[in-house]
N, C-alpha and C. Protein backbone atom coordinates (compact mmCIF):
# COMPACT_ATOMS: atom_id res chain seq x y z
N MET A 1 71.89 89.63 108.58
CA MET A 1 71.23 88.84 109.61
C MET A 1 70.82 89.74 110.76
N ARG A 2 69.62 89.54 111.25
CA ARG A 2 69.10 90.38 112.33
C ARG A 2 69.70 89.96 113.66
N LEU A 3 70.03 90.98 114.45
CA LEU A 3 70.52 90.71 115.80
C LEU A 3 69.37 90.25 116.67
N THR A 4 69.64 89.31 117.56
CA THR A 4 68.68 88.89 118.56
C THR A 4 69.26 89.25 119.92
N ILE A 5 68.46 89.93 120.72
CA ILE A 5 68.94 90.47 121.98
C ILE A 5 67.98 90.08 123.10
N VAL A 6 68.53 89.56 124.17
CA VAL A 6 67.75 89.22 125.37
C VAL A 6 68.11 90.24 126.45
N LEU A 7 67.09 90.81 127.06
CA LEU A 7 67.26 91.76 128.17
C LEU A 7 66.73 91.12 129.43
N ILE A 8 67.55 91.11 130.49
CA ILE A 8 67.11 90.56 131.77
C ILE A 8 67.37 91.62 132.84
N ASP A 9 66.29 92.22 133.32
CA ASP A 9 66.39 93.30 134.31
C ASP A 9 65.08 93.35 135.07
N ASP A 10 65.15 93.38 136.39
CA ASP A 10 63.93 93.41 137.19
C ASP A 10 63.23 94.77 137.15
N ASP A 11 63.87 95.80 136.61
CA ASP A 11 63.29 97.14 136.53
C ASP A 11 62.72 97.37 135.13
N SER A 12 61.39 97.39 135.04
CA SER A 12 60.74 97.53 133.73
C SER A 12 61.06 98.87 133.07
N ASP A 13 61.33 99.92 133.85
CA ASP A 13 61.71 101.21 133.27
C ASP A 13 63.05 101.09 132.55
N ASP A 14 63.99 100.37 133.14
CA ASP A 14 65.30 100.18 132.50
C ASP A 14 65.15 99.34 131.23
N ILE A 15 64.28 98.36 131.26
CA ILE A 15 64.04 97.55 130.06
C ILE A 15 63.46 98.42 128.95
N GLU A 16 62.52 99.30 129.30
CA GLU A 16 61.93 100.18 128.29
C GLU A 16 62.97 101.10 127.67
N LEU A 17 63.86 101.65 128.51
CA LEU A 17 64.93 102.50 127.98
C LEU A 17 65.83 101.71 127.04
N MET A 18 66.19 100.52 127.44
CA MET A 18 67.07 99.69 126.62
C MET A 18 66.38 99.32 125.30
N GLN A 19 65.12 98.97 125.36
CA GLN A 19 64.40 98.63 124.14
C GLN A 19 64.33 99.83 123.19
N GLU A 20 64.10 101.00 123.74
CA GLU A 20 64.06 102.21 122.92
C GLU A 20 65.42 102.47 122.28
N ALA A 21 66.48 102.29 123.04
CA ALA A 21 67.83 102.49 122.51
C ALA A 21 68.15 101.45 121.43
N ILE A 22 67.76 100.21 121.66
CA ILE A 22 68.00 99.15 120.67
C ILE A 22 67.27 99.48 119.37
N ALA A 23 66.02 99.90 119.49
CA ALA A 23 65.24 100.25 118.30
C ALA A 23 65.89 101.38 117.51
N GLU A 24 66.53 102.30 118.20
CA GLU A 24 67.21 103.41 117.54
C GLU A 24 68.53 102.96 116.91
N VAL A 25 69.31 102.18 117.64
CA VAL A 25 70.63 101.76 117.17
C VAL A 25 70.50 100.70 116.06
N ASP A 26 69.57 99.77 116.22
CA ASP A 26 69.37 98.72 115.21
C ASP A 26 67.88 98.40 115.11
N PRO A 27 67.16 99.11 114.25
CA PRO A 27 65.70 98.92 114.15
C PRO A 27 65.28 97.51 113.74
N GLU A 28 66.18 96.75 113.14
CA GLU A 28 65.86 95.39 112.69
C GLU A 28 66.05 94.34 113.79
N ALA A 29 66.65 94.73 114.91
CA ALA A 29 66.95 93.77 115.98
C ALA A 29 65.67 93.20 116.59
N ILE A 30 65.76 91.94 116.96
CA ILE A 30 64.67 91.29 117.69
C ILE A 30 65.05 91.35 119.16
N CYS A 31 64.14 91.87 119.98
CA CYS A 31 64.43 92.06 121.40
C CYS A 31 63.46 91.24 122.25
N MET A 32 64.01 90.47 123.18
CA MET A 32 63.21 89.65 124.08
C MET A 32 63.47 90.12 125.52
N PRO A 33 62.53 90.87 126.11
CA PRO A 33 62.73 91.37 127.48
C PRO A 33 62.16 90.43 128.54
N PHE A 34 62.87 90.36 129.67
CA PHE A 34 62.42 89.58 130.82
C PHE A 34 62.70 90.37 132.09
N THR A 35 61.75 90.35 133.02
CA THR A 35 61.96 91.01 134.31
C THR A 35 62.35 90.01 135.40
N ASN A 36 62.37 88.74 135.07
CA ASN A 36 62.73 87.70 136.02
C ASN A 36 63.78 86.80 135.37
N PRO A 37 65.00 86.74 135.93
CA PRO A 37 66.05 85.94 135.30
C PRO A 37 65.75 84.45 135.23
N GLY A 38 65.12 83.91 136.26
CA GLY A 38 64.76 82.49 136.24
C GLY A 38 63.79 82.18 135.11
N GLU A 39 62.80 83.05 134.93
CA GLU A 39 61.84 82.87 133.85
C GLU A 39 62.52 83.04 132.49
N ALA A 40 63.47 83.96 132.41
CA ALA A 40 64.20 84.17 131.15
C ALA A 40 64.94 82.90 130.75
N ILE A 41 65.68 82.34 131.66
CA ILE A 41 66.44 81.12 131.37
C ILE A 41 65.50 79.98 131.02
N LYS A 42 64.44 79.82 131.80
CA LYS A 42 63.47 78.75 131.53
C LYS A 42 62.84 78.94 130.16
N SER A 43 62.45 80.15 129.84
CA SER A 43 61.83 80.43 128.55
C SER A 43 62.79 80.16 127.40
N LEU A 44 64.02 80.58 127.56
CA LEU A 44 65.01 80.36 126.50
C LEU A 44 65.25 78.88 126.26
N LEU A 45 65.24 78.09 127.31
CA LEU A 45 65.47 76.66 127.17
C LEU A 45 64.22 75.90 126.76
N ASP A 46 63.06 76.30 127.31
CA ASP A 46 61.80 75.60 127.01
C ASP A 46 61.37 75.77 125.56
N THR A 47 61.63 76.92 125.01
CA THR A 47 61.18 77.17 123.64
C THR A 47 62.09 76.52 122.62
N ARG A 48 63.26 76.04 123.06
CA ARG A 48 64.23 75.44 122.15
C ARG A 48 64.35 76.33 120.91
N LEU A 49 64.84 77.49 121.18
CA LEU A 49 64.93 78.54 120.16
C LEU A 49 65.56 78.04 118.87
N ASP A 50 65.06 78.59 117.79
CA ASP A 50 65.63 78.30 116.48
C ASP A 50 66.87 79.16 116.24
N PHE A 51 67.20 79.98 117.21
CA PHE A 51 68.35 80.87 117.10
C PHE A 51 69.01 80.98 118.46
N VAL A 52 70.23 81.43 118.45
CA VAL A 52 70.94 81.70 119.69
C VAL A 52 71.04 83.22 119.80
N PRO A 53 70.70 83.79 120.95
CA PRO A 53 70.78 85.25 121.06
C PRO A 53 72.21 85.73 120.80
N ASN A 54 72.31 86.80 120.01
CA ASN A 54 73.62 87.41 119.78
C ASN A 54 74.12 88.07 121.05
N HIS A 55 73.21 88.75 121.73
CA HIS A 55 73.57 89.52 122.92
C HIS A 55 72.59 89.25 124.04
N ILE A 56 73.13 89.13 125.25
CA ILE A 56 72.30 89.00 126.44
C ILE A 56 72.78 90.08 127.41
N PHE A 57 71.88 90.97 127.78
CA PHE A 57 72.18 92.03 128.73
C PHE A 57 71.51 91.69 130.05
N ILE A 58 72.29 91.69 131.12
CA ILE A 58 71.80 91.25 132.43
C ILE A 58 72.09 92.32 133.47
N ASP A 59 71.07 92.64 134.26
CA ASP A 59 71.26 93.54 135.40
C ASP A 59 71.96 92.74 136.51
N HIS A 60 72.82 93.41 137.23
CA HIS A 60 73.56 92.75 138.31
C HIS A 60 72.69 92.52 139.54
N ASN A 61 72.02 93.54 140.01
CA ASN A 61 71.29 93.47 141.27
C ASN A 61 69.81 93.17 141.04
N MET A 62 69.46 91.89 141.16
CA MET A 62 68.08 91.47 141.03
C MET A 62 67.74 90.61 142.24
N PRO A 63 66.48 90.65 142.69
CA PRO A 63 66.13 89.98 143.95
C PRO A 63 66.11 88.45 143.91
N GLU A 64 65.59 87.85 142.84
CA GLU A 64 65.41 86.40 142.85
C GLU A 64 66.66 85.63 142.41
N MET A 65 67.41 86.21 141.51
CA MET A 65 68.64 85.61 141.01
C MET A 65 69.55 86.78 140.63
N THR A 66 70.73 86.82 141.19
CA THR A 66 71.63 87.93 140.88
C THR A 66 72.17 87.79 139.46
N GLY A 67 72.72 88.88 138.97
CA GLY A 67 73.35 88.83 137.65
C GLY A 67 74.47 87.82 137.60
N LEU A 68 75.23 87.70 138.67
CA LEU A 68 76.32 86.74 138.73
C LEU A 68 75.80 85.31 138.61
N GLU A 69 74.75 85.01 139.34
CA GLU A 69 74.14 83.67 139.25
C GLU A 69 73.62 83.40 137.84
N CYS A 70 73.03 84.42 137.25
CA CYS A 70 72.49 84.29 135.90
C CYS A 70 73.61 84.02 134.89
N VAL A 71 74.71 84.75 135.00
CA VAL A 71 75.85 84.54 134.11
C VAL A 71 76.38 83.11 134.28
N LYS A 72 76.51 82.66 135.53
CA LYS A 72 77.01 81.30 135.78
C LYS A 72 76.13 80.25 135.10
N VAL A 73 74.82 80.39 135.25
CA VAL A 73 73.89 79.43 134.66
C VAL A 73 73.99 79.46 133.14
N LEU A 74 73.96 80.64 132.55
CA LEU A 74 74.02 80.74 131.09
C LEU A 74 75.33 80.20 130.53
N ARG A 75 76.43 80.51 131.19
CA ARG A 75 77.74 80.04 130.70
C ARG A 75 77.94 78.55 130.93
N SER A 76 77.11 77.94 131.76
CA SER A 76 77.22 76.49 131.97
C SER A 76 76.49 75.71 130.88
N MET A 77 75.75 76.42 130.02
CA MET A 77 74.97 75.77 128.96
C MET A 77 75.59 76.04 127.60
N LYS A 78 75.84 74.99 126.87
CA LYS A 78 76.46 75.10 125.55
C LYS A 78 75.63 75.95 124.59
N GLU A 79 74.33 76.00 124.78
CA GLU A 79 73.46 76.76 123.89
C GLU A 79 73.86 78.23 123.80
N PHE A 80 74.51 78.73 124.85
CA PHE A 80 74.82 80.16 124.91
C PHE A 80 76.32 80.45 124.80
N ASP A 81 77.09 79.46 124.34
CA ASP A 81 78.54 79.65 124.20
C ASP A 81 78.89 80.82 123.28
N THR A 82 78.11 81.02 122.24
CA THR A 82 78.43 82.07 121.28
C THR A 82 77.72 83.39 121.57
N SER A 83 76.86 83.42 122.58
CA SER A 83 76.16 84.66 122.94
C SER A 83 77.10 85.57 123.71
N SER A 84 77.06 86.84 123.37
CA SER A 84 77.81 87.84 124.12
C SER A 84 76.98 88.24 125.34
N ILE A 85 77.60 88.20 126.51
CA ILE A 85 76.89 88.56 127.74
C ILE A 85 77.48 89.85 128.29
N THR A 86 76.60 90.82 128.50
CA THR A 86 76.98 92.10 129.08
C THR A 86 76.22 92.28 130.39
N VAL A 87 76.94 92.58 131.46
CA VAL A 87 76.31 92.84 132.76
C VAL A 87 76.35 94.33 133.01
N ILE A 88 75.21 94.86 133.40
CA ILE A 88 75.12 96.29 133.72
C ILE A 88 74.60 96.43 135.14
N SER A 89 75.08 97.47 135.82
CA SER A 89 74.68 97.69 137.21
C SER A 89 74.81 99.17 137.54
N THR A 90 73.98 99.60 138.49
CA THR A 90 74.08 101.00 138.92
C THR A 90 75.43 101.26 139.56
N SER A 91 76.04 100.23 140.14
CA SER A 91 77.39 100.39 140.68
C SER A 91 78.23 99.20 140.20
N MET A 92 79.20 99.49 139.36
CA MET A 92 80.07 98.45 138.82
C MET A 92 81.51 98.89 139.06
N ASP A 93 82.14 98.29 140.07
CA ASP A 93 83.53 98.66 140.33
C ASP A 93 84.47 97.65 139.66
N ALA A 94 85.75 97.89 139.76
CA ALA A 94 86.75 97.06 139.09
C ALA A 94 86.71 95.61 139.59
N MET A 95 86.48 95.42 140.89
CA MET A 95 86.44 94.05 141.43
C MET A 95 85.23 93.29 140.89
N ASP A 96 84.06 93.96 140.84
CA ASP A 96 82.87 93.32 140.27
C ASP A 96 83.11 92.96 138.81
N SER A 97 83.70 93.88 138.08
CA SER A 97 83.97 93.68 136.67
C SER A 97 84.87 92.46 136.45
N LYS A 98 85.92 92.34 137.26
CA LYS A 98 86.83 91.18 137.16
C LYS A 98 86.09 89.89 137.50
N LEU A 99 85.25 89.92 138.51
CA LEU A 99 84.50 88.73 138.90
C LEU A 99 83.57 88.28 137.77
N PHE A 100 82.84 89.23 137.21
CA PHE A 100 81.94 88.88 136.11
C PHE A 100 82.71 88.35 134.91
N SER A 101 83.83 88.96 134.61
CA SER A 101 84.66 88.48 133.49
C SER A 101 85.15 87.06 133.74
N SER A 102 85.53 86.77 134.98
CA SER A 102 86.01 85.41 135.30
C SER A 102 84.89 84.38 135.20
N MET A 103 83.65 84.82 135.30
CA MET A 103 82.50 83.92 135.21
C MET A 103 81.99 83.79 133.77
N GLY A 104 82.58 84.57 132.85
CA GLY A 104 82.20 84.43 131.45
C GLY A 104 81.49 85.61 130.82
N ALA A 105 81.30 86.69 131.57
CA ALA A 105 80.70 87.88 130.96
C ALA A 105 81.72 88.51 130.01
N ASN A 106 81.23 88.93 128.86
CA ASN A 106 82.11 89.57 127.88
C ASN A 106 82.39 91.03 128.23
N PHE A 107 81.36 91.71 128.75
CA PHE A 107 81.48 93.12 129.06
C PHE A 107 80.75 93.45 130.35
N THR A 108 81.22 94.48 131.03
CA THR A 108 80.52 95.01 132.20
C THR A 108 80.49 96.52 132.08
N PHE A 109 79.38 97.11 132.46
CA PHE A 109 79.22 98.56 132.39
C PHE A 109 78.40 99.06 133.57
N GLN A 110 78.65 100.29 133.93
CA GLN A 110 77.76 100.96 134.87
C GLN A 110 76.49 101.31 134.10
N LYS A 111 75.35 101.12 134.74
CA LYS A 111 74.07 101.34 134.08
C LYS A 111 73.93 102.82 133.70
N PRO A 112 73.61 103.09 132.44
CA PRO A 112 73.42 104.48 132.02
C PRO A 112 72.22 105.12 132.73
N VAL A 113 72.26 106.44 132.80
CA VAL A 113 71.16 107.17 133.45
C VAL A 113 70.27 107.87 132.44
N SER A 114 70.62 107.76 131.15
CA SER A 114 69.84 108.45 130.13
C SER A 114 69.75 107.58 128.88
N LEU A 115 68.84 107.95 128.01
CA LEU A 115 68.68 107.22 126.77
C LEU A 115 69.95 107.33 125.92
N SER A 116 70.56 108.49 125.89
CA SER A 116 71.80 108.64 125.12
C SER A 116 72.91 107.75 125.69
N GLY A 117 72.92 107.55 127.00
CA GLY A 117 73.88 106.65 127.62
C GLY A 117 73.67 105.21 127.16
N TYR A 118 72.41 104.80 127.03
CA TYR A 118 72.12 103.46 126.51
C TYR A 118 72.54 103.34 125.05
N PHE A 119 72.31 104.40 124.24
CA PHE A 119 72.78 104.38 122.85
C PHE A 119 74.27 104.11 122.81
N ASN A 120 75.02 104.85 123.61
CA ASN A 120 76.48 104.70 123.64
C ASN A 120 76.90 103.31 124.08
N LEU A 121 76.27 102.79 125.12
CA LEU A 121 76.58 101.44 125.60
C LEU A 121 76.37 100.41 124.49
N LEU A 122 75.23 100.49 123.81
CA LEU A 122 74.93 99.53 122.75
C LEU A 122 75.93 99.64 121.60
N ARG A 123 76.23 100.85 121.21
CA ARG A 123 77.19 101.04 120.11
C ARG A 123 78.55 100.43 120.47
N ILE A 124 78.99 100.65 121.71
CA ILE A 124 80.27 100.10 122.15
C ILE A 124 80.24 98.58 122.10
N VAL A 125 79.20 97.97 122.68
CA VAL A 125 79.10 96.51 122.72
C VAL A 125 79.02 95.94 121.31
N PHE A 126 78.19 96.52 120.46
CA PHE A 126 78.04 96.00 119.10
C PHE A 126 79.35 96.13 118.32
N GLU A 127 80.05 97.24 118.49
CA GLU A 127 81.32 97.44 117.78
C GLU A 127 82.39 96.48 118.30
N LEU A 128 82.48 96.31 119.62
CA LEU A 128 83.47 95.39 120.17
C LEU A 128 83.19 93.95 119.78
N ASP A 129 81.92 93.58 119.71
CA ASP A 129 81.58 92.22 119.32
C ASP A 129 81.88 91.96 117.85
N ALA A 130 81.87 92.99 117.05
CA ALA A 130 82.14 92.84 115.62
C ALA A 130 83.63 92.62 115.33
N VAL A 131 84.47 92.94 116.32
CA VAL A 131 85.92 92.81 116.12
C VAL A 131 86.36 91.37 116.20
């Protein structure tokens, strides 16, 4: 079964890096990128997807809706109960990580600075989710 992955990040360069890493780690994966979290949630609900995303990666610091707000909204909807949510941020300290975990995020990571860092992040998340 093909993985379905939703990317929510206001930085299009970060989305491109993540998409490139996903294509390398799992070339069969279906990737849905969004630069606006509100539009992402609306699109996911409006299309009444025939599938539930396996993984949702969310940037923490976004102007219109923070990663925390996005996690809260997604976790309040039964449609995404089985989706793994990973929050990434340029600065992710232990307190932020605990807060995101308490809101329903499965994983939190500091945002990688290189393509190889994104490869490693994806491999870790995919391996942990398989357990």
